[in-house]
PDB file of N, CA and C in Angstrom:
ATOM      1  N   MET A   1     -35.586  26.373 -35.385  1.00  0.00           N
ATOM      2  CA  MET A   1     -34.329  25.680 -35.682  1.00  0.00           C
ATOM      3  C   MET A   1     -33.294  25.972 -34.592  1.00  0.00           C
ATOM      4  N   ARG A   2     -33.243  27.217 -34.173  1.00  0.00           N
ATOM      5  CA  ARG A   2     -32.269  27.589 -33.153  1.00  0.00           C
ATOM      6  C   ARG A   2     -32.533  26.824 -31.858  1.00  0.00           C
ATOM      7  N   ARG A   3     -33.811  26.697 -31.541  1.00  0.00           N
ATOM      8  CA  ARG A   3     -34.203  25.988 -30.325  1.00  0.00           C
ATOM      9  C   ARG A   3     -33.716  24.536 -30.387  1.00  0.00           C
ATOM     10  N   TYR A   4     -33.868  23.933 -31.538  1.00  0.00           N
ATOM     11  CA  TYR A   4     -33.444  22.546 -31.725  1.00  0.00           C
ATOM     12  C   TYR A   4     -31.941  22.420 -31.475  1.00  0.00           C
ATOM     13  N   VAL A   5     -31.185  23.373 -32.001  1.00  0.00           N
ATOM     14  CA  VAL A   5     -29.728  23.343 -31.815  1.00  0.00           C
ATOM     15  C   VAL A   5     -29.389  23.464 -30.332  1.00  0.00           C
ATOM     16  N   LYS A   6     -30.098  24.346 -29.635  1.00  0.00           N
ATOM     17  CA  LYS A   6     -29.842  24.512 -28.197  1.00  0.00           C
ATOM     18  C   LYS A   6     -30.113  23.207 -27.461  1.00  0.00           C
ATOM     19  N   GLU A   7     -31.222  22.575 -27.793  1.00  0.00           N
ATOM     20  CA  GLU A   7     -31.555  21.298 -27.145  1.00  0.00           C
ATOM     21  C   GLU A   7     -30.458  20.277 -27.420  1.00  0.00           C
ATOM     22  N   LEU A   8     -30.006  20.237 -28.651  1.00  0.00           N
ATOM     23  CA  LEU A   8     -28.962  19.291 -29.042  1.00  0.00           C
ATOM     24  C   LEU A   8     -27.692  19.554 -28.230  1.00  0.00           C
ATOM     25  N   GLN A   9     -27.320  20.819 -28.108  1.00  0.00           N
ATOM     26  CA  GLN A   9     -26.124  21.161 -27.330  1.00  0.00           C
ATOM     27  C   GLN A   9     -26.277  20.694 -25.891  1.00  0.00           C
ATOM     28  N   MET A  10     -27.468  20.918 -25.322  1.00  0.00           N
ATOM     29  CA  MET A  10     -27.714  20.491 -23.945  1.00  0.00           C
ATOM     30  C   MET A  10     -27.520  18.986 -23.818  1.00  0.00           C
ATOM     31  N   HIS A  11     -28.106  18.248 -24.750  1.00  0.00           N
ATOM     32  CA  HIS A  11     -27.998  16.792 -24.698  1.00  0.00           C
ATOM     33  C   HIS A  11     -26.545  16.355 -24.836  1.00  0.00           C
ATOM     34  N   VAL A  12     -25.817  17.003 -25.738  1.00  0.00           N
ATOM     35  CA  VAL A  12     -24.415  16.624 -25.963  1.00  0.00           C
ATOM     36  C   VAL A  12     -23.587  16.892 -24.711  1.00  0.00           C
ATOM     37  N   THR A  13     -23.785  18.056 -24.092  1.00  0.00           N
ATOM     38  CA  THR A  13     -23.004  18.362 -22.889  1.00  0.00           C
ATOM     39  C   THR A  13     -23.348  17.383 -21.777  1.00  0.00           C
ATOM     40  N   PHE A  14     -24.621  17.071 -21.630  1.00  0.00           N
ATOM     41  CA  PHE A  14     -25.041  16.113 -20.604  1.00  0.00           C
ATOM     42  C   PHE A  14     -24.393  14.758 -20.859  1.00  0.00           C
ATOM     43  N   PHE A  15     -24.393  14.353 -22.127  1.00  0.00           N
ATOM     44  CA  PHE A  15     -23.825  13.061 -22.515  1.00  0.00           C
ATOM     45  C   PHE A  15     -22.333  13.011 -22.182  1.00  0.00           C
ATOM     46  N   THR A  16     -21.611  14.060 -22.575  1.00  0.00           N
ATOM     47  CA  THR A  16     -20.164  14.068 -22.320  1.00  0.00           C
ATOM     48  C   THR A  16     -19.884  14.086 -20.827  1.00  0.00           C
ATOM     49  N   LYS A  17     -20.681  14.837 -20.072  1.00  0.00           N
ATOM     50  CA  LYS A  17     -20.488  14.891 -18.616  1.00  0.00           C
ATOM     51  C   LYS A  17     -20.693  13.517 -18.003  1.00  0.00           C
ATOM     52  N   SER A  18     -21.759  12.850 -18.419  1.00  0.00           N
ATOM     53  CA  SER A  18     -22.035  11.526 -17.846  1.00  0.00           C
ATOM     54  C   SER A  18     -20.926  10.549 -18.231  1.00  0.00           C
ATOM     55  N   ILE A  19     -20.388  10.688 -19.425  1.00  0.00           N
ATOM     56  CA  ILE A  19     -19.293   9.796 -19.848  1.00  0.00           C
ATOM     57  C   ILE A  19     -18.069  10.047 -18.970  1.00  0.00           C
ATOM     58  N   GLU A  20     -17.770  11.318 -18.699  1.00  0.00           N
ATOM     59  CA  GLU A  20     -16.627  11.637 -17.837  1.00  0.00           C
ATOM     60  C   GLU A  20     -16.820  11.010 -16.462  1.00  0.00           C
ATOM     61  N   ILE A  21     -18.032  11.167 -15.901  1.00  0.00           N
ATOM     62  CA  ILE A  21     -18.322  10.606 -14.574  1.00  0.00           C
ATOM     63  C   ILE A  21     -18.158   9.093 -14.601  1.00  0.00           C
ATOM     64  N   LEU A  22     -18.670   8.471 -15.662  1.00  0.00           N
ATOM     65  CA  LEU A  22     -18.560   7.011 -15.785  1.00  0.00           C
ATOM     66  C   LEU A  22     -17.098   6.593 -15.849  1.00  0.00           C
ATOM     67  N   LYS A  23     -16.301   7.335 -16.617  1.00  0.00           N
ATOM     68  CA  LYS A  23     -14.880   6.992 -16.742  1.00  0.00           C
ATOM     69  C   LYS A  23     -14.204   7.064 -15.386  1.00  0.00           C
ATOM     70  N   LYS A  24     -14.452   8.161 -14.661  1.00  0.00           N
ATOM     71  CA  LYS A  24     -13.849   8.313 -13.330  1.00  0.00           C
ATOM     72  C   LYS A  24     -14.271   7.163 -12.429  1.00  0.00           C
ATOM     73  N   PHE A  25     -15.556   6.841 -12.463  1.00  0.00           N
ATOM     74  CA  PHE A  25     -16.089   5.772 -11.618  1.00  0.00           C
ATOM     75  C   PHE A  25     -15.404   4.449 -11.948  1.00  0.00           C
ATOM     76  N   LEU A  26     -15.285   4.150 -13.244  1.00  0.00           N
ATOM     77  CA  LEU A  26     -14.665   2.885 -13.655  1.00  0.00           C
ATOM     78  C   LEU A  26     -13.201   2.843 -13.242  1.00  0.00           C
ATOM     79  N   ILE A  27     -12.491   3.959 -13.418  1.00  0.00           N
ATOM     80  CA  ILE A  27     -11.072   3.998 -13.046  1.00  0.00           C
ATOM     81  C   ILE A  27     -10.930   3.781 -11.546  1.00  0.00           C
ATOM     82  N   ASP A  28     -11.794   4.432 -10.759  1.00  0.00           N
ATOM     83  CA  ASP A  28     -11.749   4.243  -9.302  1.00  0.00           C
ATOM     84  C   ASP A  28     -12.006   2.784  -8.958  1.00  0.00           C
ATOM     85  N   LYS A  29     -12.995   2.193  -9.602  1.00  0.00           N
ATOM     86  CA  LYS A  29     -13.319   0.786  -9.336  1.00  0.00           C
ATOM     87  C   LYS A  29     -12.117  -0.099  -9.650  1.00  0.00           C
ATOM     88  N   LEU A  30     -11.503   0.141 -10.808  1.00  0.00           N
ATOM     89  CA  LEU A  30     -10.356  -0.679 -11.211  1.00  0.00           C
ATOM     90  C   LEU A  30      -9.207  -0.501 -10.229  1.00  0.00           C
ATOM     91  N   ASN A  31      -8.947   0.736  -9.816  1.00  0.00           N
ATOM     92  CA  ASN A  31      -7.871   0.978  -8.856  1.00  0.00           C
ATOM     93  C   ASN A  31      -8.140   0.238  -7.557  1.00  0.00           C
ATOM     94  N   GLY A  32      -9.358   0.317  -7.069  1.00  0.00           N
ATOM     95  CA  GLY A  32      -9.719  -0.374  -5.832  1.00  0.00           C
ATOM     96  C   GLY A  32      -9.548  -1.875  -5.985  1.00  0.00           C
ATOM     97  N   PHE A  33      -9.955  -2.392  -7.126  1.00  0.00           N
ATOM     98  CA  PHE A  33      -9.846  -3.833  -7.369  1.00  0.00           C
ATOM     99  C   PHE A  33      -8.379  -4.251  -7.392  1.00  0.00           C
ATOM    100  N   ASN A  34      -7.542  -3.452  -8.058  1.00  0.00           N
ATOM    101  CA  ASN A  34      -6.117  -3.773  -8.124  1.00  0.00           C
ATOM    102  C   ASN A  34      -5.502  -3.747  -6.733  1.00  0.00           C
ATOM    103  N   LEU A  35      -5.877  -2.759  -5.936  1.00  0.00           N
ATOM    104  CA  LEU A  35      -5.346  -2.673  -4.571  1.00  0.00           C
ATOM    105  C   LEU A  35      -5.750  -3.904  -3.781  1.00  0.00           C
ATOM    106  N   LYS A  36      -7.001  -4.296  -3.916  1.00  0.00           N
ATOM    107  CA  LYS A  36      -7.498  -5.457  -3.167  1.00  0.00           C
ATOM    108  C   LYS A  36      -6.783  -6.732  -3.602  1.00  0.00           C
ATOM    109  N   SER A  37      -6.610  -6.911  -4.898  1.00  0.00           N
ATOM    110  CA  SER A  37      -6.023  -8.164  -5.396  1.00  0.00           C
ATOM    111  C   SER A  37      -4.527  -8.222  -5.094  1.00  0.00           C
ATOM    112  N   ARG A  38      -3.896  -7.060  -4.923  1.00  0.00           N
ATOM    113  CA  ARG A  38      -2.460  -7.050  -4.657  1.00  0.00           C
ATOM    114  C   ARG A  38      -2.147  -7.545  -3.253  1.00  0.00           C
ATOM    115  N   ARG A  39      -2.883  -7.018  -2.285  1.00  0.00           N
ATOM    116  CA  ARG A  39      -2.576  -7.390  -0.896  1.00  0.00           C
ATOM    117  C   ARG A  39      -3.842  -7.802  -0.154  1.00  0.00           C
ATOM    118  N   PRO A  40      -4.319  -9.004  -0.394  1.00  0.00           N
ATOM    119  CA  PRO A  40      -5.543  -9.446   0.284  1.00  0.00           C
ATOM    120  C   PRO A  40      -5.296  -9.921   1.710  1.00  0.00           C
ATOM    121  N   LYS A  41      -4.059 -10.354   2.017  1.00  0.00           N
ATOM    122  CA  LYS A  41      -3.795 -10.929   3.337  1.00  0.00           C
ATOM    123  C   LYS A  41      -3.473  -9.854   4.369  1.00  0.00           C
ATOM    124  N   GLU A  42      -2.965  -8.696   3.908  1.00  0.00           N
ATOM    125  CA  GLU A  42      -2.596  -7.643   4.854  1.00  0.00           C
ATOM    126  C   GLU A  42      -3.827  -6.989   5.476  1.00  0.00           C
ATOM    127  N   VAL A  43      -4.908  -6.951   4.717  1.00  0.00           N
ATOM    128  CA  VAL A  43      -6.107  -6.262   5.204  1.00  0.00           C
ATOM    129  C   VAL A  43      -6.808  -7.122   6.248  1.00  0.00           C
ATOM    130  N   PRO A  44      -6.961  -6.606   7.453  1.00  0.00           N
ATOM    131  CA  PRO A  44      -7.669  -7.369   8.494  1.00  0.00           C
ATOM    132  C   PRO A  44      -9.160  -7.401   8.210  1.00  0.00           C
ATOM    133  N   GLN A  45      -9.734  -8.583   8.170  1.00  0.00           N
ATOM    134  CA  GLN A  45     -11.160  -8.707   7.868  1.00  0.00           C
ATOM    135  C   GLN A  45     -11.963  -8.772   9.158  1.00  0.00           C
ATOM    136  N   LYS A  46     -12.922  -7.851   9.273  1.00  0.00           N
ATOM    137  CA  LYS A  46     -13.781  -7.829  10.460  1.00  0.00           C
ATOM    138  C   LYS A  46     -15.119  -8.452  10.114  1.00  0.00           C
ATOM    139  N   CYS A  47     -15.483  -9.485  10.841  1.00  0.00           N
ATOM    140  CA  CYS A  47     -16.757 -10.151  10.574  1.00  0.00           C
ATOM    141  C   CYS A  47     -17.843  -9.607  11.492  1.00  0.00           C
TER     142      CYS A  47
END
């Protein structure tokens, strides 16, 4: 039983960590998107 609880704790911590990473990633993506949509003409595009 104790082993099962340990496994569960491991899974829960992994889950929460991945959620935190996902949140950070999404926030970064949204920030980048907002920056791009705000000033699209100022950024020089290199082809």
